[in-house]
Amino acid sequence: MVADIRSRMSLFVVGLTHLSSKKSKASMLIGYMGIARLMIHVQQVEEDQLKDREEFKNKSAKTSRNESGQQKSNVNRSSFQHK
């Protein structure tokens, strides 16, 4: 359980770093923003969002596989100890 909390905290901190870099990029663009530059920025943001969703899905799937693997190993241990 401790490892699970640590991994969640780690993902949270990485997410904060990623979010702050996006915010700073957006604030830099506000000074000079033509329509072409705005369109490029929107496209990049959409691509980043898709990439973030895929990473989240992959991490969620990986976490759920690890949790189910731990549960199976605990079941195997308990059945072994009863014999």
PDB file of N, CA and C in Angstrom:
ATOM      1  N   MET A   1       0.817  -1.192   0.000  1.00  0.00           N
ATOM      2  CA  MET A   1       0.000   0.000   0.000  1.00  0.00           C
ATOM      3  C   MET A   1       0.863   1.259   0.000  1.00  0.00           C
ATOM      4  N   VAL A   2       1.968   1.217   0.716  1.00  0.00           N
ATOM      5  CA  VAL A   2       2.854   2.377   0.759  1.00  0.00           C
ATOM      6  C   VAL A   2       3.427   2.661  -0.619  1.00  0.00           C
ATOM      7  N   ALA A   3       3.796   1.615  -1.337  1.00  0.00           N
ATOM      8  CA  ALA A   3       4.343   1.804  -2.683  1.00  0.00           C
ATOM      9  C   ALA A   3       3.306   2.425  -3.600  1.00  0.00           C
ATOM     10  N   ASP A   4       2.036   2.035  -3.440  1.00  0.00           N
ATOM     11  CA  ASP A   4       0.963   2.596  -4.253  1.00  0.00           C
ATOM     12  C   ASP A   4       0.801   4.086  -3.976  1.00  0.00           C
ATOM     13  N   ILE A   5       0.853   4.484  -2.720  1.00  0.00           N
ATOM     14  CA  ILE A   5       0.739   5.903  -2.363  1.00  0.00           C
ATOM     15  C   ILE A   5       1.923   6.677  -2.924  1.00  0.00           C
ATOM     16  N   ARG A   6       3.104   6.104  -2.815  1.00  0.00           N
ATOM     17  CA  ARG A   6       4.296   6.779  -3.341  1.00  0.00           C
ATOM     18  C   ARG A   6       4.211   6.952  -4.852  1.00  0.00           C
ATOM     19  N   SER A   7       3.734   5.930  -5.551  1.00  0.00           N
ATOM     20  CA  SER A   7       3.633   6.039  -7.008  1.00  0.00           C
ATOM     21  C   SER A   7       2.595   7.085  -7.393  1.00  0.00           C
ATOM     22  N   ARG A   8       1.501   7.156  -6.649  1.00  0.00           N
ATOM     23  CA  ARG A   8       0.488   8.180  -6.936  1.00  0.00           C
ATOM     24  C   ARG A   8       1.033   9.580  -6.688  1.00  0.00           C
ATOM     25  N   MET A   9       1.786   9.747  -5.596  1.00  0.00           N
ATOM     26  CA  MET A   9       2.390  11.049  -5.302  1.00  0.00           C
ATOM     27  C   MET A   9       3.378  11.433  -6.401  1.00  0.00           C
ATOM     28  N   SER A  10       4.150  10.470  -6.849  1.00  0.00           N
ATOM     29  CA  SER A  10       5.120  10.725  -7.905  1.00  0.00           C
ATOM     30  C   SER A  10       4.423  11.172  -9.184  1.00  0.00           C
ATOM     31  N   LEU A  11       3.347  10.484  -9.560  1.00  0.00           N
ATOM     32  CA  LEU A  11       2.593  10.867 -10.756  1.00  0.00           C
ATOM     33  C   LEU A  11       1.993  12.257 -10.598  1.00  0.00           C
ATOM     34  N   PHE A  12       1.530  12.580  -9.397  1.00  0.00           N
ATOM     35  CA  PHE A  12       0.953  13.894  -9.132  1.00  0.00           C
ATOM     36  C   PHE A  12       1.997  14.991  -9.324  1.00  0.00           C
ATOM     37  N   VAL A  13       3.190  14.788  -8.774  1.00  0.00           N
ATOM     38  CA  VAL A  13       4.258  15.790  -8.888  1.00  0.00           C
ATOM     39  C   VAL A  13       4.680  15.960 -10.339  1.00  0.00           C
ATOM     40  N   VAL A  14       4.802  14.863 -11.065  1.00  0.00           N
ATOM     41  CA  VAL A  14       5.158  14.940 -12.486  1.00  0.00           C
ATOM     42  C   VAL A  14       4.079  15.705 -13.246  1.00  0.00           C
ATOM     43  N   GLY A  15       2.824  15.456 -12.909  1.00  0.00           N
ATOM     44  CA  GLY A  15       1.717  16.166 -13.546  1.00  0.00           C
ATOM     45  C   GLY A  15       1.759  17.653 -13.279  1.00  0.00           C
ATOM     46  N   LEU A  16       2.127  18.043 -12.051  1.00  0.00           N
ATOM     47  CA  LEU A  16       2.235  19.466 -11.722  1.00  0.00           C
ATOM     48  C   LEU A  16       3.333  20.131 -12.546  1.00  0.00           C
ATOM     49  N   THR A  17       4.452  19.460 -12.665  1.00  0.00           N
ATOM     50  CA  THR A  17       5.556  19.999 -13.454  1.00  0.00           C
ATOM     51  C   THR A  17       5.134  20.188 -14.902  1.00  0.00           C
ATOM     52  N   HIS A  18       4.454  19.189 -15.438  1.00  0.00           N
ATOM     53  CA  HIS A  18       3.995  19.241 -16.828  1.00  0.00           C
ATOM     54  C   HIS A  18       2.987  20.373 -17.019  1.00  0.00           C
ATOM     55  N   LEU A  19       2.070  20.516 -16.077  1.00  0.00           N
ATOM     56  CA  LEU A  19       1.049  21.555 -16.155  1.00  0.00           C
ATOM     57  C   LEU A  19       1.666  22.942 -16.065  1.00  0.00           C
ATOM     58  N   SER A  20       2.636  23.130 -15.172  1.00  0.00           N
ATOM     59  CA  SER A  20       3.248  24.448 -15.029  1.00  0.00           C
ATOM     60  C   SER A  20       4.023  24.836 -16.286  1.00  0.00           C
ATOM     61  N   SER A  21       4.642  23.866 -16.960  1.00  0.00           N
ATOM     62  CA  SER A  21       5.351  24.190 -18.197  1.00  0.00           C
ATOM     63  C   SER A  21       4.368  24.598 -19.286  1.00  0.00           C
ATOM     64  N   LYS A  22       3.190  23.973 -19.314  1.00  0.00           N
ATOM     65  CA  LYS A  22       2.167  24.361 -20.288  1.00  0.00           C
ATOM     66  C   LYS A  22       1.668  25.770 -20.010  1.00  0.00           C
ATOM     67  N   LYS A  23       1.447  26.083 -18.731  1.00  0.00           N
ATOM     68  CA  LYS A  23       0.942  27.409 -18.359  1.00  0.00           C
ATOM     69  C   LYS A  23       1.959  28.488 -18.717  1.00  0.00           C
ATOM     70  N   SER A  24       3.233  28.239 -18.467  1.00  0.00           N
ATOM     71  CA  SER A  24       4.245  29.247 -18.775  1.00  0.00           C
ATOM     72  C   SER A  24       4.362  29.459 -20.278  1.00  0.00           C
ATOM     73  N   LYS A  25       4.213  28.393 -21.047  1.00  0.00           N
ATOM     74  CA  LYS A  25       4.255  28.512 -22.504  1.00  0.00           C
ATOM     75  C   LYS A  25       3.094  29.368 -22.995  1.00  0.00           C
ATOM     76  N   ALA A  26       1.914  29.147 -22.436  1.00  0.00           N
ATOM     77  CA  ALA A  26       0.738  29.921 -22.834  1.00  0.00           C
ATOM     78  C   ALA A  26       0.909  31.387 -22.472  1.00  0.00           C
ATOM     79  N   SER A  27       1.462  31.673 -21.303  1.00  0.00           N
ATOM     80  CA  SER A  27       1.634  33.068 -20.899  1.00  0.00           C
ATOM     81  C   SER A  27       2.674  33.775 -21.764  1.00  0.00           C
ATOM     82  N   MET A  28       3.674  33.067 -22.261  1.00  0.00           N
ATOM     83  CA  MET A  28       4.660  33.676 -23.150  1.00  0.00           C
ATOM     84  C   MET A  28       4.027  34.043 -24.487  1.00  0.00           C
ATOM     85  N   LEU A  29       3.074  33.245 -24.946  1.00  0.00           N
ATOM     86  CA  LEU A  29       2.447  33.493 -26.240  1.00  0.00           C
ATOM     87  C   LEU A  29       1.464  34.661 -26.215  1.00  0.00           C
ATOM     88  N   ILE A  30       0.973  35.035 -25.044  1.00  0.00           N
ATOM     89  CA  ILE A  30      -0.047  36.076 -24.962  1.00  0.00           C
ATOM     90  C   ILE A  30       0.481  37.419 -25.469  1.00  0.00           C
ATOM     91  N   GLY A  31       1.761  37.700 -25.262  1.00  0.00           N
ATOM     92  CA  GLY A  31       2.331  38.977 -25.686  1.00  0.00           C
ATOM     93  C   GLY A  31       2.187  39.221 -27.183  1.00  0.00           C
ATOM     94  N   TYR A  32       2.464  38.233 -27.991  1.00  0.00           N
ATOM     95  CA  TYR A  32       2.341  38.379 -29.434  1.00  0.00           C
ATOM     96  C   TYR A  32       1.603  37.161 -29.959  1.00  0.00           C
ATOM     97  N   MET A  33       0.356  37.384 -30.359  1.00  0.00           N
ATOM     98  CA  MET A  33      -0.447  36.247 -30.788  1.00  0.00           C
ATOM     99  C   MET A  33      -1.237  36.633 -32.030  1.00  0.00           C
ATOM    100  N   GLY A  34      -0.729  36.247 -33.191  1.00  0.00           N
ATOM    101  CA  GLY A  34      -1.486  36.404 -34.423  1.00  0.00           C
ATOM    102  C   GLY A  34      -2.383  35.192 -34.610  1.00  0.00           C
ATOM    103  N   ILE A  35      -3.249  35.241 -35.616  1.00  0.00           N
ATOM    104  CA  ILE A  35      -4.192  34.137 -35.825  1.00  0.00           C
ATOM    105  C   ILE A  35      -3.465  32.838 -36.186  1.00  0.00           C
ATOM    106  N   ALA A  36      -2.411  32.948 -36.985  1.00  0.00           N
ATOM    107  CA  ALA A  36      -1.660  31.747 -37.366  1.00  0.00           C
ATOM    108  C   ALA A  36      -0.995  31.128 -36.137  1.00  0.00           C
ATOM    109  N   ARG A  37      -0.408  31.974 -35.326  1.00  0.00           N
ATOM    110  CA  ARG A  37       0.259  31.493 -34.112  1.00  0.00           C
ATOM    111  C   ARG A  37      -0.756  30.889 -33.136  1.00  0.00           C
ATOM    112  N   LEU A  38      -1.933  31.506 -33.058  1.00  0.00           N
ATOM    113  CA  LEU A  38      -2.994  30.984 -32.197  1.00  0.00           C
ATOM    114  C   LEU A  38      -3.441  29.601 -32.667  1.00  0.00           C
ATOM    115  N   MET A  39      -3.596  29.431 -33.973  1.00  0.00           N
ATOM    116  CA  MET A  39      -4.023  28.135 -34.512  1.00  0.00           C
ATOM    117  C   MET A  39      -2.983  27.051 -34.226  1.00  0.00           C
ATOM    118  N   ILE A  40      -1.726  27.400 -34.372  1.00  0.00           N
ATOM    119  CA  ILE A  40      -0.650  26.445 -34.088  1.00  0.00           C
ATOM    120  C   ILE A  40      -0.657  26.073 -32.609  1.00  0.00           C
ATOM    121  N   HIS A  41      -0.842  27.088 -31.761  1.00  0.00           N
ATOM    122  CA  HIS A  41      -0.873  26.839 -30.317  1.00  0.00           C
ATOM    123  C   HIS A  41      -2.025  25.902 -29.946  1.00  0.00           C
ATOM    124  N   VAL A  42      -3.210  26.152 -30.497  1.00  0.00           N
ATOM    125  CA  VAL A  42      -4.377  25.309 -30.210  1.00  0.00           C
ATOM    126  C   VAL A  42      -4.120  23.876 -30.668  1.00  0.00           C
ATOM    127  N   GLN A  43      -3.519  23.720 -31.832  1.00  0.00           N
ATOM    128  CA  GLN A  43      -3.214  22.383 -32.338  1.00  0.00           C
ATOM    129  C   GLN A  43      -2.236  21.662 -31.404  1.00  0.00           C
ATOM    130  N   GLN A  44      -1.221  22.375 -30.942  1.00  0.00           N
ATOM    131  CA  GLN A  44      -0.250  21.765 -30.035  1.00  0.00           C
ATOM    132  C   GLN A  44      -0.893  21.371 -28.708  1.00  0.00           C
ATOM    133  N   VAL A  45      -1.786  22.221 -28.207  1.00  0.00           N
ATOM    134  CA  VAL A  45      -2.472  21.912 -26.950  1.00  0.00           C
ATOM    135  C   VAL A  45      -3.336  20.669 -27.113  1.00  0.00           C
ATOM    136  N   GLU A  46      -4.042  20.572 -28.229  1.00  0.00           N
ATOM    137  CA  GLU A  46      -4.882  19.394 -28.473  1.00  0.00           C
ATOM    138  C   GLU A  46      -4.036  18.129 -28.568  1.00  0.00           C
ATOM    139  N   GLU A  47      -2.898  18.213 -29.239  1.00  0.00           N
ATOM    140  CA  GLU A  47      -2.008  17.055 -29.343  1.00  0.00           C
ATOM    141  C   GLU A  47      -1.474  16.657 -27.970  1.00  0.00           C
ATOM    142  N   ASP A  48      -1.115  17.660 -27.163  1.00  0.00           N
ATOM    143  CA  ASP A  48      -0.635  17.380 -25.810  1.00  0.00           C
ATOM    144  C   ASP A  48      -1.715  16.714 -24.965  1.00  0.00           C
ATOM    145  N   GLN A  49      -2.954  17.169 -25.114  1.00  0.00           N
ATOM    146  CA  GLN A  49      -4.053  16.577 -24.352  1.00  0.00           C
ATOM    147  C   GLN A  49      -4.271  15.120 -24.748  1.00  0.00           C
ATOM    148  N   LEU A  50      -4.206  14.833 -26.039  1.00  0.00           N
ATOM    149  CA  LEU A  50      -4.351  13.446 -26.496  1.00  0.00           C
ATOM    150  C   LEU A  50      -3.226  12.569 -25.949  1.00  0.00           C
ATOM    151  N   LYS A  51      -2.017  13.115 -25.978  1.00  0.00           N
ATOM    152  CA  LYS A  51      -0.868  12.375 -25.469  1.00  0.00           C
ATOM    153  C   LYS A  51      -1.014  12.132 -23.965  1.00  0.00           C
ATOM    154  N   ASP A  52      -1.475  13.152 -23.238  1.00  0.00           N
ATOM    155  CA  ASP A  52      -1.680  13.005 -21.796  1.00  0.00           C
ATOM    156  C   ASP A  52      -2.730  11.947 -21.487  1.00  0.00           C
ATOM    157  N   ARG A  53      -3.805  11.922 -22.266  1.00  0.00           N
ATOM    158  CA  ARG A  53      -4.853  10.917 -22.053  1.00  0.00           C
ATOM    159  C   ARG A  53      -4.310   9.510 -22.274  1.00  0.00           C
ATOM    160  N   GLU A  54      -3.518   9.349 -23.337  1.00  0.00           N
ATOM    161  CA  GLU A  54      -2.940   8.032 -23.623  1.00  0.00           C
ATOM    162  C   GLU A  54      -1.991   7.599 -22.507  1.00  0.00           C
ATOM    163  N   GLU A  55      -1.156   8.532 -22.028  1.00  0.00           N
ATOM    164  CA  GLU A  55      -0.239   8.204 -20.943  1.00  0.00           C
ATOM    165  C   GLU A  55      -1.015   7.811 -19.691  1.00  0.00           C
ATOM    166  N   PHE A  56      -2.094   8.541 -19.406  1.00  0.00           N
ATOM    167  CA  PHE A  56      -2.907   8.235 -18.230  1.00  0.00           C
ATOM    168  C   PHE A  56      -3.545   6.858 -18.353  1.00  0.00           C
ATOM    169  N   LYS A  57      -4.064   6.542 -19.550  1.00  0.00           N
ATOM    170  CA  LYS A  57      -4.668   5.222 -19.763  1.00  0.00           C
ATOM    171  C   LYS A  57      -3.632   4.120 -19.572  1.00  0.00           C
ATOM    172  N   ASN A  58      -2.433   4.338 -20.118  1.00  0.00           N
ATOM    173  CA  ASN A  58      -1.374   3.333 -19.996  1.00  0.00           C
ATOM    174  C   ASN A  58      -0.961   3.142 -18.540  1.00  0.00           C
ATOM    175  N   LYS A  59      -0.838   4.252 -17.802  1.00  0.00           N
ATOM    176  CA  LYS A  59      -0.445   4.154 -16.398  1.00  0.00           C
ATOM    177  C   LYS A  59      -1.547   3.515 -15.577  1.00  0.00           C
ATOM    178  N   SER A  60      -2.800   3.830 -15.895  1.00  0.00           N
ATOM    179  CA  SER A  60      -3.925   3.229 -15.171  1.00  0.00           C
ATOM    180  C   SER A  60      -3.979   1.729 -15.418  1.00  0.00           C
ATOM    181  N   ALA A  61      -3.782   1.335 -16.659  1.00  0.00           N
ATOM    182  CA  ALA A  61      -3.798  -0.090 -16.994  1.00  0.00           C
ATOM    183  C   ALA A  61      -2.639  -0.807 -16.305  1.00  0.00           C
ATOM    184  N   LYS A  62      -1.486  -0.172 -16.292  1.00  0.00           N
ATOM    185  CA  LYS A  62      -0.315  -0.767 -15.663  1.00  0.00           C
ATOM    186  C   LYS A  62      -0.537  -0.921 -14.160  1.00  0.00           C
ATOM    187  N   THR A  63      -1.119   0.102 -13.532  1.00  0.00           N
ATOM    188  CA  THR A  63      -1.391   0.056 -12.098  1.00  0.00           C
ATOM    189  C   THR A  63      -2.408  -1.022 -11.768  1.00  0.00           C
ATOM    190  N   SER A  64      -3.460  -1.120 -12.573  1.00  0.00           N
ATOM    191  CA  SER A  64      -4.484  -2.136 -12.297  1.00  0.00           C
ATOM    192  C   SER A  64      -3.928  -3.543 -12.495  1.00  0.00           C
ATOM    193  N   ARG A  65      -3.031  -3.725 -13.458  1.00  0.00           N
ATOM    194  CA  ARG A  65      -2.399  -5.042 -13.646  1.00  0.00           C
ATOM    195  C   ARG A  65      -1.539  -5.390 -12.441  1.00  0.00           C
ATOM    196  N   ASN A  66      -0.793  -4.400 -11.926  1.00  0.00           N
ATOM    197  CA  ASN A  66       0.053  -4.648 -10.757  1.00  0.00           C
ATOM    198  C   ASN A  66      -0.793  -4.991  -9.542  1.00  0.00           C
ATOM    199  N   GLU A  67      -1.897  -4.270  -9.351  1.00  0.00           N
ATOM    200  CA  GLU A  67      -2.760  -4.532  -8.203  1.00  0.00           C
ATOM    201  C   GLU A  67      -3.391  -5.912  -8.301  1.00  0.00           C
ATOM    202  N   SER A  68      -3.846  -6.304  -9.485  1.00  0.00           N
ATOM    203  CA  SER A  68      -4.455  -7.631  -9.633  1.00  0.00           C
ATOM    204  C   SER A  68      -3.400  -8.716  -9.453  1.00  0.00           C
ATOM    205  N   GLY A  69      -2.184  -8.462  -9.881  1.00  0.00           N
ATOM    206  CA  GLY A  69      -1.098  -9.419  -9.685  1.00  0.00           C
ATOM    207  C   GLY A  69      -0.767  -9.597  -8.218  1.00  0.00           C
ATOM    208  N   GLN A  70      -0.801  -8.501  -7.452  1.00  0.00           N
ATOM    209  CA  GLN A  70      -0.543  -8.588  -6.020  1.00  0.00           C
ATOM    210  C   GLN A  70      -1.660  -9.347  -5.323  1.00  0.00           C
ATOM    211  N   GLN A  71      -2.895  -9.126  -5.737  1.00  0.00           N
ATOM    212  CA  GLN A  71      -4.016  -9.831  -5.127  1.00  0.00           C
ATOM    213  C   GLN A  71      -3.917 -11.326  -5.405  1.00  0.00           C
ATOM    214  N   LYS A  72      -3.551 -11.692  -6.630  1.00  0.00           N
ATOM    215  CA  LYS A  72      -3.410 -13.107  -6.974  1.00  0.00           C
ATOM    216  C   LYS A  72      -2.296 -13.747  -6.153  1.00  0.00           C
ATOM    217  N   SER A  73      -1.180 -13.034  -5.979  1.00  0.00           N
ATOM    218  CA  SER A  73      -0.078 -13.606  -5.218  1.00  0.00           C
ATOM    219  C   SER A  73      -0.462 -13.748  -3.751  1.00  0.00           C
ATOM    220  N   ASN A  74      -1.259 -12.822  -3.226  1.00  0.00           N
ATOM    221  CA  ASN A  74      -1.721 -12.942  -1.846  1.00  0.00           C
ATOM    222  C   ASN A  74      -2.648 -14.141  -1.692  1.00  0.00           C
ATOM    223  N   VAL A  75      -3.496 -14.397  -2.666  1.00  0.00           N
ATOM    224  CA  VAL A  75      -4.390 -15.558  -2.627  1.00  0.00           C
ATOM    225  C   VAL A  75      -3.564 -16.835  -2.660  1.00  0.00           C
ATOM    226  N   ASN A  76      -2.555 -16.865  -3.525  1.00  0.00           N
ATOM    227  CA  ASN A  76      -1.697 -18.049  -3.618  1.00  0.00           C
ATOM    228  C   ASN A  76      -0.955 -18.289  -2.306  1.00  0.00           C
ATOM    229  N   ARG A  77      -0.484 -17.237  -1.684  1.00  0.00           N
ATOM    230  CA  ARG A  77       0.231 -17.375  -0.417  1.00  0.00           C
ATOM    231  C   ARG A  77      -0.690 -17.920   0.666  1.00  0.00           C
ATOM    232  N   SER A  78      -1.892 -17.370   0.747  1.00  0.00           N
ATOM    233  CA  SER A  78      -2.800 -17.811   1.804  1.00  0.00           C
ATOM    234  C   SER A  78      -3.203 -19.268   1.603  1.00  0.00           C
ATOM    235  N   SER A  79      -3.419 -19.700   0.376  1.00  0.00           N
ATOM    236  CA  SER A  79      -3.784 -21.099   0.140  1.00  0.00           C
ATOM    237  C   SER A  79      -2.598 -22.018   0.423  1.00  0.00           C
ATOM    238  N   PHE A  80      -1.397 -21.527   0.171  1.00  0.00           N
ATOM    239  CA  PHE A  80      -0.207 -22.327   0.442  1.00  0.00           C
ATOM    240  C   PHE A  80      -0.001 -22.484   1.950  1.00  0.00           C
ATOM    241  N   GLN A  81      -0.254 -21.438   2.699  1.00  0.00           N
ATOM    242  CA  GLN A  81      -0.052 -21.477   4.142  1.00  0.00           C
ATOM    243  C   GLN A  81      -1.063 -22.383   4.831  1.00  0.00           C
ATOM    244  N   HIS A  82      -2.252 -22.540   4.269  1.00  0.00           N
ATOM    245  CA  HIS A  82      -3.269 -23.379   4.882  1.00  0.00           C
ATOM    246  C   HIS A  82      -2.970 -24.862   4.727  1.00  0.00           C
ATOM    247  N   LYS A  83      -2.161 -25.243   3.786  1.00  0.00           N
ATOM    248  CA  LYS A  83      -1.872 -26.668   3.539  1.00  0.00           C
ATOM    249  C   LYS A  83      -0.996 -27.235   4.581  1.00  0.00           C
TER     250      LYS A  83
END
